[in-house]
Amino acid sequence: IFRDMARNKVESNTITFNTTISACGKDSEWENASQLFAGMAQVKAANDTITFNATVSAFAKGRTWEKALQLLRRMAQGKVELKLITCSAAISACEKGYEWKQALQLLAQMML
């Protein structure tokens, strides 16, 4: 997609990445969502709350709870505001991975 965009001189930006990551998540393509997230730095597109939400949701649908929690920690350490929807997606990833202890820990942290 992004090669076609570059060939047609369409700028890759945060919005186009967010939309594509979200589409990957809806199709359970967490690997592609992860690659897109990582590729944003190469084109100097900024990660925002929507980027993190979409990527964590993709990880949840892909049952990759470890990656969802890693991204959540990265979000908390960075300058991106941690949102309820992102935490909920991470809890969902834990639930789908049968990691109920992790889900409860995350829920407890949210309550603080």
N, C-alpha and C. Protein backbone atom coordinates (compact mmCIF):
# COMPACT_ATOMS: atom_id res chain seq x y z
N ILE A 1 0.83 -1.20 0.00
CA ILE A 1 0.00 0.00 0.00
C ILE A 1 0.87 1.26 0.00
N PHE A 2 1.86 1.26 0.92
CA PHE A 2 2.67 2.47 1.06
C PHE A 2 3.63 2.65 -0.12
N ARG A 3 4.03 1.57 -0.75
CA ARG A 3 4.84 1.70 -1.97
C ARG A 3 4.01 2.35 -3.08
N ASP A 4 2.75 1.90 -3.19
CA ASP A 4 1.86 2.50 -4.19
C ASP A 4 1.63 3.98 -3.89
N MET A 5 1.49 4.29 -2.60
CA MET A 5 1.29 5.68 -2.22
C MET A 5 2.50 6.51 -2.60
N ALA A 6 3.70 6.01 -2.32
CA ALA A 6 4.92 6.75 -2.65
C ALA A 6 5.05 6.91 -4.16
N ARG A 7 4.75 5.86 -4.90
CA ARG A 7 4.84 5.91 -6.36
C ARG A 7 3.88 6.97 -6.92
N ASN A 8 2.72 7.13 -6.28
CA ASN A 8 1.73 8.12 -6.73
C ASN A 8 1.86 9.46 -6.01
N LYS A 9 2.97 9.59 -5.26
CA LYS A 9 3.28 10.83 -4.54
C LYS A 9 2.21 11.22 -3.51
N VAL A 10 1.66 10.20 -2.86
CA VAL A 10 0.72 10.43 -1.76
C VAL A 10 1.52 10.28 -0.46
N GLU A 11 1.44 11.27 0.39
CA GLU A 11 2.23 11.30 1.62
C GLU A 11 1.75 10.25 2.63
N SER A 12 2.71 9.52 3.19
CA SER A 12 2.40 8.62 4.31
C SER A 12 2.49 9.45 5.58
N ASN A 13 1.44 9.45 6.37
CA ASN A 13 1.44 10.22 7.61
C ASN A 13 0.76 9.41 8.71
N THR A 14 0.63 10.00 9.85
CA THR A 14 0.04 9.32 11.00
C THR A 14 -1.37 8.81 10.67
N ILE A 15 -2.16 9.59 9.99
CA ILE A 15 -3.53 9.19 9.68
C ILE A 15 -3.56 7.98 8.76
N THR A 16 -2.74 7.98 7.73
CA THR A 16 -2.74 6.83 6.82
C THR A 16 -2.23 5.58 7.52
N PHE A 17 -1.22 5.73 8.39
CA PHE A 17 -0.74 4.58 9.15
C PHE A 17 -1.82 4.07 10.10
N ASN A 18 -2.45 4.98 10.83
CA ASN A 18 -3.49 4.57 11.78
C ASN A 18 -4.61 3.82 11.09
N THR A 19 -5.03 4.31 9.94
CA THR A 19 -6.11 3.66 9.20
C THR A 19 -5.70 2.27 8.75
N THR A 20 -4.48 2.13 8.28
CA THR A 20 -4.00 0.84 7.79
C THR A 20 -3.78 -0.14 8.94
N ILE A 21 -3.23 0.33 10.04
CA ILE A 21 -3.04 -0.53 11.22
C ILE A 21 -4.40 -1.01 11.72
N SER A 22 -5.37 -0.12 11.77
CA SER A 22 -6.71 -0.49 12.20
C SER A 22 -7.31 -1.56 11.29
N ALA A 23 -7.14 -1.38 9.99
CA ALA A 23 -7.65 -2.38 9.03
C ALA A 23 -6.97 -3.73 9.23
N CYS A 24 -5.67 -3.72 9.48
CA CYS A 24 -4.95 -4.98 9.76
C CYS A 24 -5.51 -5.65 11.00
N GLY A 25 -5.78 -4.85 12.02
CA GLY A 25 -6.32 -5.40 13.27
C GLY A 25 -7.67 -6.05 13.06
N LYS A 26 -8.51 -5.42 12.27
CA LYS A 26 -9.85 -5.96 12.02
C LYS A 26 -9.79 -7.28 11.25
N ASP A 27 -8.69 -7.47 10.52
CA ASP A 27 -8.52 -8.70 9.75
C ASP A 27 -7.58 -9.69 10.45
N SER A 28 -7.32 -9.45 11.74
CA SER A 28 -6.44 -10.30 12.56
C SER A 28 -5.03 -10.43 11.97
N GLU A 29 -4.57 -9.39 11.34
CA GLU A 29 -3.22 -9.36 10.76
C GLU A 29 -2.27 -8.60 11.69
N TRP A 30 -2.09 -9.13 12.90
CA TRP A 30 -1.29 -8.42 13.90
C TRP A 30 0.16 -8.25 13.48
N GLU A 31 0.70 -9.20 12.71
CA GLU A 31 2.08 -9.07 12.26
C GLU A 31 2.24 -7.85 11.36
N ASN A 32 1.31 -7.67 10.43
CA ASN A 32 1.36 -6.50 9.56
C ASN A 32 1.16 -5.21 10.34
N ALA A 33 0.26 -5.23 11.30
CA ALA A 33 0.05 -4.05 12.15
C ALA A 33 1.32 -3.70 12.89
N SER A 34 2.00 -4.71 13.41
CA SER A 34 3.25 -4.50 14.14
C SER A 34 4.33 -3.91 13.22
N GLN A 35 4.43 -4.43 12.01
CA GLN A 35 5.42 -3.92 11.05
C GLN A 35 5.12 -2.48 10.67
N LEU A 36 3.85 -2.18 10.48
CA LEU A 36 3.46 -0.81 10.15
C LEU A 36 3.80 0.14 11.30
N PHE A 37 3.50 -0.29 12.52
CA PHE A 37 3.81 0.52 13.70
C PHE A 37 5.32 0.82 13.73
N ALA A 38 6.12 -0.21 13.54
CA ALA A 38 7.57 -0.04 13.55
C ALA A 38 8.05 0.82 12.39
N GLY A 39 7.38 0.72 11.25
CA GLY A 39 7.78 1.47 10.07
C GLY A 39 7.47 2.95 10.11
N MET A 40 6.66 3.36 11.06
CA MET A 40 6.29 4.77 11.14
C MET A 40 7.51 5.66 11.37
N ALA A 41 8.47 5.16 12.13
CA ALA A 41 9.67 5.96 12.42
C ALA A 41 10.49 6.21 11.15
N GLN A 42 10.47 5.25 10.23
CA GLN A 42 11.25 5.38 9.00
C GLN A 42 10.77 6.55 8.14
N VAL A 43 9.49 6.83 8.18
CA VAL A 43 8.95 7.94 7.39
C VAL A 43 8.64 9.15 8.26
N LYS A 44 9.11 9.08 9.50
CA LYS A 44 8.94 10.18 10.46
C LYS A 44 7.48 10.53 10.72
N ALA A 45 6.63 9.50 10.75
CA ALA A 45 5.23 9.68 11.14
C ALA A 45 5.14 9.47 12.65
N ALA A 46 4.48 10.37 13.32
CA ALA A 46 4.38 10.31 14.78
C ALA A 46 3.36 9.28 15.23
N ASN A 47 3.69 8.56 16.31
CA ASN A 47 2.72 7.68 16.96
C ASN A 47 1.83 8.54 17.84
N ASP A 48 0.53 8.30 17.79
CA ASP A 48 -0.38 8.99 18.69
C ASP A 48 -1.25 7.97 19.41
N THR A 49 -2.18 8.44 20.18
CA THR A 49 -3.04 7.54 20.95
C THR A 49 -3.77 6.57 20.03
N ILE A 50 -4.23 7.04 18.90
CA ILE A 50 -4.95 6.17 17.96
C ILE A 50 -4.04 5.07 17.43
N THR A 51 -2.78 5.41 17.16
CA THR A 51 -1.82 4.42 16.70
C THR A 51 -1.67 3.30 17.72
N PHE A 52 -1.47 3.68 18.97
CA PHE A 52 -1.31 2.68 20.04
C PHE A 52 -2.59 1.87 20.22
N ASN A 53 -3.74 2.54 20.21
CA ASN A 53 -5.02 1.83 20.36
C ASN A 53 -5.19 0.79 19.27
N ALA A 54 -4.96 1.19 18.03
CA ALA A 54 -5.14 0.28 16.90
C ALA A 54 -4.17 -0.89 16.95
N THR A 55 -2.94 -0.63 17.34
CA THR A 55 -1.93 -1.69 17.38
C THR A 55 -2.18 -2.65 18.53
N VAL A 56 -2.52 -2.14 19.70
CA VAL A 56 -2.84 -3.01 20.84
C VAL A 56 -4.08 -3.84 20.51
N SER A 57 -5.06 -3.24 19.87
CA SER A 57 -6.27 -3.99 19.47
C SER A 57 -5.92 -5.10 18.48
N ALA A 58 -5.01 -4.82 17.55
CA ALA A 58 -4.57 -5.85 16.60
C ALA A 58 -3.89 -7.00 17.34
N PHE A 59 -3.07 -6.67 18.33
CA PHE A 59 -2.43 -7.71 19.14
C PHE A 59 -3.47 -8.52 19.90
N ALA A 60 -4.49 -7.86 20.39
CA ALA A 60 -5.55 -8.57 21.12
C ALA A 60 -6.25 -9.56 20.20
N LYS A 61 -6.57 -9.13 19.01
CA LYS A 61 -7.25 -10.04 18.07
C LYS A 61 -6.34 -11.17 17.64
N GLY A 62 -5.03 -10.92 17.65
CA GLY A 62 -4.07 -11.95 17.29
C GLY A 62 -3.63 -12.81 18.46
N ARG A 63 -4.24 -12.57 19.62
CA ARG A 63 -3.93 -13.33 20.83
C ARG A 63 -2.45 -13.24 21.22
N THR A 64 -1.87 -12.10 21.00
CA THR A 64 -0.47 -11.88 21.36
C THR A 64 -0.41 -10.90 22.53
N TRP A 65 -0.80 -11.41 23.69
CA TRP A 65 -0.91 -10.58 24.87
C TRP A 65 0.42 -9.98 25.29
N GLU A 66 1.52 -10.72 25.07
CA GLU A 66 2.83 -10.20 25.48
C GLU A 66 3.15 -8.91 24.72
N LYS A 67 2.90 -8.92 23.42
CA LYS A 67 3.17 -7.74 22.60
C LYS A 67 2.25 -6.59 22.99
N ALA A 68 1.00 -6.91 23.31
CA ALA A 68 0.07 -5.86 23.74
C ALA A 68 0.56 -5.18 25.01
N LEU A 69 1.04 -5.97 25.97
CA LEU A 69 1.53 -5.40 27.22
C LEU A 69 2.83 -4.63 27.01
N GLN A 70 3.70 -5.12 26.14
CA GLN A 70 4.94 -4.39 25.83
C GLN A 70 4.61 -3.02 25.25
N LEU A 71 3.66 -2.99 24.35
CA LEU A 71 3.28 -1.72 23.73
C LEU A 71 2.61 -0.79 24.73
N LEU A 72 1.82 -1.36 25.61
CA LEU A 72 1.18 -0.56 26.65
C LEU A 72 2.23 0.08 27.56
N ARG A 73 3.26 -0.69 27.92
CA ARG A 73 4.35 -0.14 28.75
C ARG A 73 5.09 0.96 27.99
N ARG A 74 5.32 0.72 26.71
CA ARG A 74 5.99 1.74 25.90
C ARG A 74 5.17 3.02 25.84
N MET A 75 3.89 2.87 25.74
CA MET A 75 2.99 4.02 25.71
C MET A 75 3.06 4.78 27.02
N ALA A 76 3.04 4.04 28.13
CA ALA A 76 3.09 4.66 29.45
C ALA A 76 4.41 5.39 29.68
N GLN A 77 5.50 4.87 29.13
CA GLN A 77 6.82 5.49 29.29
C GLN A 77 7.01 6.69 28.38
N GLY A 78 6.25 6.74 27.30
CA GLY A 78 6.42 7.81 26.32
C GLY A 78 5.57 9.01 26.62
N LYS A 79 5.38 9.79 25.60
CA LYS A 79 4.63 11.03 25.74
C LYS A 79 3.19 10.90 25.27
N VAL A 80 2.74 9.66 25.07
CA VAL A 80 1.39 9.42 24.60
C VAL A 80 0.50 9.10 25.80
N GLU A 81 -0.61 9.79 25.88
CA GLU A 81 -1.53 9.61 27.01
C GLU A 81 -2.15 8.21 26.99
N LEU A 82 -2.07 7.54 28.12
CA LEU A 82 -2.65 6.21 28.28
C LEU A 82 -4.16 6.35 28.41
N LYS A 83 -4.89 5.71 27.52
CA LYS A 83 -6.35 5.83 27.48
C LYS A 83 -7.01 4.54 27.94
N LEU A 84 -8.23 4.66 28.41
CA LEU A 84 -9.01 3.52 28.86
C LEU A 84 -9.18 2.48 27.76
N ILE A 85 -9.42 2.93 26.53
CA ILE A 85 -9.65 2.00 25.43
C ILE A 85 -8.41 1.14 25.16
N THR A 86 -7.22 1.74 25.32
CA THR A 86 -5.98 0.99 25.10
C THR A 86 -5.80 -0.05 26.20
N CYS A 87 -6.06 0.35 27.43
CA CYS A 87 -5.96 -0.60 28.55
C CYS A 87 -6.98 -1.73 28.39
N SER A 88 -8.17 -1.40 27.95
CA SER A 88 -9.20 -2.42 27.74
C SER A 88 -8.78 -3.41 26.66
N ALA A 89 -8.16 -2.90 25.60
CA ALA A 89 -7.69 -3.79 24.52
C ALA A 89 -6.59 -4.70 25.05
N ALA A 90 -5.71 -4.18 25.90
CA ALA A 90 -4.65 -5.00 26.48
C ALA A 90 -5.23 -6.06 27.41
N ILE A 91 -6.24 -5.71 28.18
CA ILE A 91 -6.92 -6.69 29.04
C ILE A 91 -7.56 -7.76 28.17
N SER A 92 -8.16 -7.36 27.07
CA SER A 92 -8.76 -8.32 26.14
C SER A 92 -7.71 -9.27 25.57
N ALA A 93 -6.53 -8.74 25.27
CA ALA A 93 -5.44 -9.59 24.77
C ALA A 93 -5.04 -10.62 25.82
N CYS A 94 -4.97 -10.19 27.07
CA CYS A 94 -4.64 -11.12 28.16
C CYS A 94 -5.72 -12.19 28.31
N GLU A 95 -6.96 -11.76 28.22
CA GLU A 95 -8.09 -12.70 28.34
C GLU A 95 -8.04 -13.75 27.23
N LYS A 96 -7.77 -13.31 26.01
CA LYS A 96 -7.72 -14.23 24.88
C LYS A 96 -6.52 -15.17 24.96
N GLY A 97 -5.49 -14.72 25.67
CA GLY A 97 -4.32 -15.57 25.87
C GLY A 97 -4.37 -16.37 27.16
N TYR A 98 -5.53 -16.37 27.81
CA TYR A 98 -5.74 -17.09 29.07
C TYR A 98 -4.78 -16.63 30.16
N GLU A 99 -4.43 -15.37 30.12
CA GLU A 99 -3.52 -14.77 31.11
C GLU A 99 -4.34 -13.91 32.07
N TRP A 100 -5.21 -14.56 32.83
CA TRP A 100 -6.12 -13.83 33.68
C TRP A 100 -5.40 -13.07 34.79
N LYS A 101 -4.26 -13.59 35.27
CA LYS A 101 -3.51 -12.86 36.30
C LYS A 101 -2.99 -11.53 35.76
N GLN A 102 -2.48 -11.56 34.52
CA GLN A 102 -2.01 -10.33 33.89
C GLN A 102 -3.17 -9.35 33.70
N ALA A 103 -4.32 -9.88 33.31
CA ALA A 103 -5.50 -9.03 33.11
C ALA A 103 -5.92 -8.38 34.42
N LEU A 104 -5.91 -9.14 35.50
CA LEU A 104 -6.28 -8.58 36.80
C LEU A 104 -5.28 -7.55 37.28
N GLN A 105 -4.00 -7.79 37.04
CA GLN A 105 -2.98 -6.81 37.42
C GLN A 105 -3.16 -5.49 36.67
N LEU A 106 -3.46 -5.61 35.39
CA LEU A 106 -3.67 -4.43 34.59
C LEU A 106 -4.92 -3.68 35.04
N LEU A 107 -5.96 -4.40 35.35
CA LEU A 107 -7.19 -3.79 35.85
C LEU A 107 -6.92 -3.06 37.18
N ALA A 108 -6.16 -3.70 38.05
CA ALA A 108 -5.82 -3.07 39.33
C ALA A 108 -5.02 -1.78 39.12
N GLN A 109 -4.11 -1.79 38.16
CA GLN A 109 -3.32 -0.59 37.86
C GLN A 109 -4.21 0.53 37.33
N MET A 110 -5.20 0.16 36.56
CA MET A 110 -6.12 1.15 36.00
C MET A 110 -6.93 1.83 37.11
N MET A 111 -7.21 1.09 38.17
CA MET A 111 -8.04 1.61 39.25
C MET A 111 -7.30 2.61 40.14
N LEU A 112 -5.97 2.67 40.02
CA LEU A 112 -5.18 3.59 40.87
C LEU A 112 -5.36 5.02 40.46
